[in-house]
N, C-alpha and C. Protein backbone atom coordinates (compact mmCIF):
# COMPACT_ATOMS: atom_id res chain seq x y z
N MET A 1 79.98 101.45 -65.96
CA MET A 1 81.04 101.71 -66.15
C MET A 1 81.68 100.39 -65.83
N LYS A 2 82.96 100.07 -66.86
CA LYS A 2 83.67 98.99 -66.83
C LYS A 2 85.32 99.50 -66.60
N PRO A 3 86.10 98.83 -65.54
CA PRO A 3 87.01 99.21 -65.37
C PRO A 3 88.23 99.29 -66.76
N PHE A 4 88.93 99.85 -66.80
CA PHE A 4 90.17 100.32 -67.58
C PHE A 4 91.53 99.71 -66.89
N SER A 5 92.36 99.73 -67.95
CA SER A 5 93.72 99.01 -67.54
C SER A 5 94.80 100.13 -68.09
N ALA A 6 95.38 100.40 -66.96
CA ALA A 6 96.82 101.61 -66.98
C ALA A 6 98.33 100.53 -66.14
N PHE A 7 98.85 101.40 -66.62
CA PHE A 7 100.61 100.49 -66.10
C PHE A 7 100.82 101.88 -64.79
N PHE A 8 101.00 101.22 -63.72
CA PHE A 8 101.16 101.61 -62.49
C PHE A 8 102.34 101.03 -61.54
N GLY A 9 103.34 101.74 -61.52
CA GLY A 9 104.48 101.13 -61.03
C GLY A 9 105.02 99.75 -61.48
N ASP A 10 104.52 98.66 -61.70
CA ASP A 10 105.58 97.38 -61.95
C ASP A 10 104.65 97.21 -63.16
N ALA A 11 103.21 97.18 -63.54
CA ALA A 11 102.35 96.43 -64.31
C ALA A 11 101.39 96.97 -64.41
N GLU A 12 100.59 96.32 -65.48
CA GLU A 12 99.35 96.93 -65.86
C GLU A 12 98.58 96.24 -64.97
N TYR A 13 97.21 97.33 -64.30
CA TYR A 13 96.75 97.15 -63.44
C TYR A 13 94.82 97.64 -63.95
N GLN A 14 93.68 97.24 -63.61
CA GLN A 14 92.72 97.89 -63.63
C GLN A 14 92.18 98.83 -62.74
N PHE A 15 91.54 99.92 -63.54
CA PHE A 15 90.94 100.71 -62.02
C PHE A 15 89.55 100.96 -62.46
N MET A 16 89.04 101.64 -61.46
CA MET A 16 87.88 102.34 -61.71
C MET A 16 87.24 102.21 -60.39
N LEU A 17 86.89 103.84 -60.31
CA LEU A 17 86.44 104.25 -59.15
C LEU A 17 84.49 104.10 -58.86
N THR A 18 84.11 103.22 -58.25
CA THR A 18 82.67 103.06 -58.42
C THR A 18 82.07 104.33 -57.18
N PHE A 19 80.59 104.28 -57.44
CA PHE A 19 80.15 104.99 -56.55
C PHE A 19 80.49 105.07 -55.26
N ALA A 20 80.25 103.89 -55.10
CA ALA A 20 80.46 103.46 -53.26
C ALA A 20 82.10 104.12 -52.75
N LEU A 21 83.13 103.33 -53.99
CA LEU A 21 84.24 104.00 -53.64
C LEU A 21 84.59 105.57 -53.49
N ALA A 22 83.90 106.50 -54.72
CA ALA A 22 83.95 107.93 -54.48
C ALA A 22 83.61 108.24 -53.35
N GLY A 23 82.50 107.90 -53.00
CA GLY A 23 81.78 108.42 -51.42
C GLY A 23 83.11 108.10 -50.31
N GLU A 24 83.67 106.70 -50.31
CA GLU A 24 84.78 106.76 -49.50
C GLU A 24 85.77 107.68 -49.70
N LEU A 25 86.13 108.20 -50.77
CA LEU A 25 87.17 109.16 -51.34
C LEU A 25 86.70 110.20 -50.96
N GLU A 26 85.44 110.82 -51.01
CA GLU A 26 85.06 112.15 -49.92
C GLU A 26 85.71 111.99 -48.85
N GLN A 27 85.16 110.98 -48.20
CA GLN A 27 85.19 110.99 -46.70
C GLN A 27 87.09 111.12 -46.22
N LYS A 28 87.85 110.34 -47.34
CA LYS A 28 89.29 110.23 -46.91
C LYS A 28 89.74 111.59 -47.27
N CYS A 29 89.37 112.33 -48.05
CA CYS A 29 89.74 113.77 -48.31
C CYS A 29 89.09 114.79 -47.95
N GLY A 30 88.26 114.89 -46.91
CA GLY A 30 87.13 115.67 -46.84
C GLY A 30 86.90 116.60 -47.43
N ALA A 31 86.45 115.97 -48.99
CA ALA A 31 85.65 117.26 -49.72
C ALA A 31 84.73 116.14 -50.76
N GLY A 32 83.96 117.08 -50.99
CA GLY A 32 82.93 116.17 -52.36
C GLY A 32 83.99 115.66 -53.65
N ILE A 33 83.00 115.16 -54.19
CA ILE A 33 83.90 114.21 -55.56
C ILE A 33 84.10 115.71 -56.46
N GLY A 34 83.05 116.19 -56.53
CA GLY A 34 82.94 117.68 -57.49
C GLY A 34 84.17 118.19 -57.35
N THR A 35 84.48 118.70 -55.91
CA THR A 35 85.68 119.33 -55.54
C THR A 35 87.07 118.65 -55.43
N ILE A 36 87.02 117.44 -55.28
CA ILE A 36 88.05 116.56 -55.74
C ILE A 36 88.50 116.83 -57.34
N CYS A 37 87.50 116.62 -57.97
CA CYS A 37 87.81 116.37 -59.51
C CYS A 37 88.19 117.95 -59.39
N ALA A 38 87.74 119.22 -59.14
CA ALA A 38 88.17 120.39 -59.30
C ALA A 38 89.57 120.59 -59.04
N ARG A 39 89.57 120.07 -57.76
CA ARG A 39 91.30 120.12 -57.29
C ARG A 39 92.41 119.50 -58.08
N VAL A 40 91.85 118.08 -58.33
CA VAL A 40 93.29 117.47 -59.09
C VAL A 40 93.13 118.09 -60.40
N PHE A 41 91.93 118.29 -61.41
CA PHE A 41 91.84 118.95 -62.73
C PHE A 41 92.58 120.35 -63.01
N ALA A 42 92.79 121.45 -61.70
CA ALA A 42 93.14 122.30 -61.77
C ALA A 42 94.85 122.44 -61.00
N LYS A 43 94.79 121.35 -60.73
CA LYS A 43 96.17 120.68 -60.11
C LYS A 43 96.71 121.56 -59.12
N HIS A 44 95.42 121.68 -58.16
CA HIS A 44 95.23 122.60 -56.90
C HIS A 44 95.11 121.39 -55.43
N PHE A 45 95.45 120.16 -55.66
CA PHE A 45 94.91 119.04 -55.22
C PHE A 45 95.93 118.93 -53.52
N ALA A 46 95.32 118.40 -53.17
CA ALA A 46 96.07 117.43 -51.52
C ALA A 46 96.96 115.93 -52.04
N GLN A 47 97.57 116.02 -50.96
CA GLN A 47 98.44 114.42 -51.44
C GLN A 47 97.28 113.28 -51.32
N SER A 48 96.34 113.48 -50.46
CA SER A 48 95.35 112.63 -50.44
C SER A 48 94.51 112.32 -51.58
N ASP A 49 94.56 113.63 -52.28
CA ASP A 49 93.29 113.24 -53.48
C ASP A 49 94.57 111.89 -54.34
N ILE A 50 95.62 112.43 -54.58
CA ILE A 50 96.21 111.14 -55.09
C ILE A 50 96.27 109.92 -54.83
N THR A 51 96.89 109.65 -53.67
CA THR A 51 97.18 108.56 -53.39
C THR A 51 96.03 107.92 -52.84
N GLU A 52 94.58 108.51 -52.03
CA GLU A 52 93.51 107.66 -52.19
C GLU A 52 92.73 107.61 -52.95
N THR A 53 92.73 108.46 -54.64
CA THR A 53 92.00 108.34 -55.65
C THR A 53 92.92 106.62 -56.13
N ILE A 54 94.12 106.75 -56.30
CA ILE A 54 94.68 105.17 -56.96
C ILE A 54 94.43 104.10 -56.10
N ARG A 55 94.30 104.08 -55.39
CA ARG A 55 94.49 103.05 -53.71
C ARG A 55 92.55 102.35 -53.87
N LEU A 56 91.54 103.27 -54.36
CA LEU A 56 90.74 103.08 -53.94
C LEU A 56 90.05 102.86 -55.50
N ALA A 57 90.16 103.14 -56.90
CA ALA A 57 90.06 102.65 -57.98
C ALA A 57 91.17 101.20 -58.40
N LEU A 58 92.26 101.27 -57.18
CA LEU A 58 92.81 99.66 -57.71
C LEU A 58 91.82 98.68 -57.19
N ILE A 59 91.10 98.99 -55.91
CA ILE A 59 89.85 98.04 -55.03
C ILE A 59 88.84 98.23 -56.24
N GLY A 60 88.53 98.95 -56.78
CA GLY A 60 87.35 99.11 -57.92
C GLY A 60 87.37 98.40 -58.81
N GLY A 61 88.68 98.06 -59.18
CA GLY A 61 89.33 97.28 -60.42
C GLY A 61 89.22 96.12 -59.82
N GLY A 62 89.34 95.32 -58.92
CA GLY A 62 89.02 94.22 -58.40
C GLY A 62 90.57 93.69 -57.40
N MET A 63 91.20 94.27 -57.00
CA MET A 63 92.24 93.98 -56.07
C MET A 63 92.06 94.13 -54.87
N ALA A 64 92.51 93.48 -54.16
CA ALA A 64 92.68 93.41 -52.59
C ALA A 64 92.83 94.75 -51.66
N PRO A 65 91.99 95.07 -50.79
CA PRO A 65 92.67 96.30 -50.51
C PRO A 65 94.08 96.80 -49.77
N LYS A 66 94.25 95.54 -49.15
CA LYS A 66 95.75 95.09 -48.63
C LYS A 66 96.81 95.41 -49.86
N ARG A 67 96.33 94.61 -50.85
CA ARG A 67 97.44 95.02 -52.06
C ARG A 67 97.56 96.18 -52.78
N ALA A 68 96.11 96.66 -52.96
CA ALA A 68 96.12 98.08 -53.10
C ALA A 68 96.98 99.07 -52.60
N ALA A 69 96.86 99.19 -50.92
CA ALA A 69 97.65 100.18 -50.06
C ALA A 69 99.39 99.84 -50.55
N GLU A 70 99.51 98.46 -50.56
CA GLU A 70 100.46 98.01 -50.50
C GLU A 70 101.50 98.71 -52.17
N LEU A 71 100.81 98.84 -53.06
CA LEU A 71 100.99 99.71 -54.45
C LEU A 71 101.15 100.85 -54.74
N VAL A 72 100.10 101.39 -53.69
CA VAL A 72 100.19 103.19 -53.65
C VAL A 72 101.52 103.29 -52.60
N ALA A 73 101.83 102.51 -51.48
CA ALA A 73 102.62 102.68 -50.86
C ALA A 73 104.04 102.54 -51.49
N LEU A 74 104.23 101.71 -52.41
CA LEU A 74 105.68 101.49 -53.47
C LEU A 74 105.76 102.56 -53.99
N TYR A 75 104.70 102.96 -55.21
CA TYR A 75 104.65 103.58 -56.13
C TYR A 75 103.91 105.21 -56.49
N ALA A 76 103.47 105.31 -55.30
CA ALA A 76 102.67 106.52 -55.03
C ALA A 76 103.31 107.55 -54.21
N THR A 77 103.31 107.30 -52.62
CA THR A 77 104.50 107.79 -51.94
C THR A 77 105.81 107.83 -51.87
N ASP A 78 106.14 109.03 -51.61
CA ASP A 78 107.45 109.71 -51.72
C ASP A 78 107.94 109.49 -53.14
N ARG A 79 106.61 109.50 -54.01
CA ARG A 79 107.46 109.45 -55.57
C ARG A 79 106.91 110.96 -55.82
N PRO A 80 107.61 111.36 -57.15
CA PRO A 80 107.24 113.05 -57.83
C PRO A 80 105.56 112.33 -58.04
N LEU A 81 104.85 113.67 -57.42
CA LEU A 81 103.71 113.51 -58.21
C LEU A 81 103.36 113.59 -59.29
N SER A 82 104.44 114.22 -60.34
CA SER A 82 103.98 114.21 -61.71
C SER A 82 104.01 112.93 -62.40
N GLU A 83 104.83 111.73 -61.73
CA GLU A 83 104.31 110.44 -62.07
C GLU A 83 103.16 109.68 -61.93
N SER A 84 102.41 109.93 -60.61
CA SER A 84 100.91 109.56 -60.78
C SER A 84 99.72 110.54 -60.96
N TYR A 85 99.95 111.80 -61.36
CA TYR A 85 99.04 112.94 -61.69
C TYR A 85 98.18 112.07 -63.05
N PRO A 86 99.03 111.85 -63.85
CA PRO A 86 97.94 111.08 -65.03
C PRO A 86 97.38 110.25 -64.91
N LEU A 87 97.31 109.34 -64.18
CA LEU A 87 96.85 108.36 -63.65
C LEU A 87 95.18 108.91 -63.09
N VAL A 88 95.50 109.27 -62.04
CA VAL A 88 94.36 109.99 -61.06
C VAL A 88 93.80 111.33 -62.21
N ALA A 89 94.30 111.75 -62.98
CA ALA A 89 93.15 112.28 -64.02
C ALA A 89 92.39 111.58 -64.54
N LYS A 90 92.82 110.53 -65.19
CA LYS A 90 92.51 109.65 -65.91
C LYS A 90 91.22 108.99 -65.27
N ILE A 91 91.62 108.42 -63.77
CA ILE A 91 90.29 107.80 -63.36
C ILE A 91 89.30 108.55 -62.91
N LEU A 92 89.79 110.14 -62.40
CA LEU A 92 88.37 111.07 -62.07
C LEU A 92 87.93 111.46 -63.46
N GLU A 93 88.49 111.58 -64.58
CA GLU A 93 88.15 111.62 -65.64
C GLU A 93 86.54 110.61 -66.01
N ARG A 94 86.86 109.61 -66.06
CA ARG A 94 86.30 108.38 -65.92
C ARG A 94 85.10 108.37 -65.19
N ARG A 95 85.28 108.75 -63.90
CA ARG A 95 84.14 108.84 -63.19
C ARG A 95 83.09 110.24 -63.06
N TRP A 96 83.41 111.20 -63.86
CA TRP A 96 83.02 112.52 -64.18
C TRP A 96 82.23 112.04 -65.54
N PHE A 97 83.20 111.56 -66.23
CA PHE A 97 82.26 111.72 -67.70
C PHE A 97 82.09 110.20 -68.15
N GLY A 98 82.50 109.08 -67.66
CA GLY A 98 82.02 108.15 -68.31
C GLY A 98 83.19 107.57 -69.24
N ASN A 99 82.99 106.14 -69.62
CA ASN A 99 84.06 105.72 -70.52
C ASN A 99 83.87 106.20 -72.15
N PRO A 100 84.60 107.25 -72.64
CA PRO A 100 84.41 107.51 -73.87
C PRO A 100 84.09 106.19 -75.07
N HIS A 101 84.04 105.24 -74.79
CA HIS A 101 83.70 104.26 -76.04
C HIS A 101 82.37 103.52 -75.66
N GLU A 102 81.86 103.71 -74.55
CA GLU A 102 80.45 102.87 -74.16
C GLU A 102 79.29 104.11 -74.52
N THR A 103 78.30 103.52 -74.87
CA THR A 103 77.27 103.95 -74.77
C THR A 103 76.20 104.28 -74.30
N THR A 104 75.14 104.72 -74.04
CA THR A 104 74.37 104.83 -72.41
C THR A 104 73.96 103.52 -72.14
N ASN A 105 73.99 102.10 -72.47
CA ASN A 105 73.65 101.19 -72.04
C ASN A 105 74.59 100.20 -71.93
N GLY A 106 76.06 100.85 -72.16
CA GLY A 106 77.28 99.86 -71.40
C GLY A 106 77.78 99.09 -72.67
N GLN A 107 77.20 99.45 -74.02
CA GLN A 107 77.77 98.42 -75.03
C GLN A 107 78.90 99.40 -75.30
N ALA A 108 79.43 98.78 -76.49
CA ALA A 108 80.80 99.67 -76.83
C ALA A 108 80.32 99.55 -78.35
């Protein structure tokens, strides 16, 4: 799985929720990745499902953890959920389904 680029807050950033980071997401949100995905896809999510998914996917995309936390604080916390939801859904769709443009051996 490769990172993907998306606009968040002030610029385009790389996002990828790796296997290991999905485990950290589970710990932060108190639920398994399947439950988190189900909550987000059904729009029955918790605030931490949104903020932690973005923060961890920024880290997985190559950003320093401190900078990822700063961006989430600026552009996700205390902002309308409708601004962050599409990005979180895309991050989790990539973790669940993979990249639709990659073959199973990672080649496009």
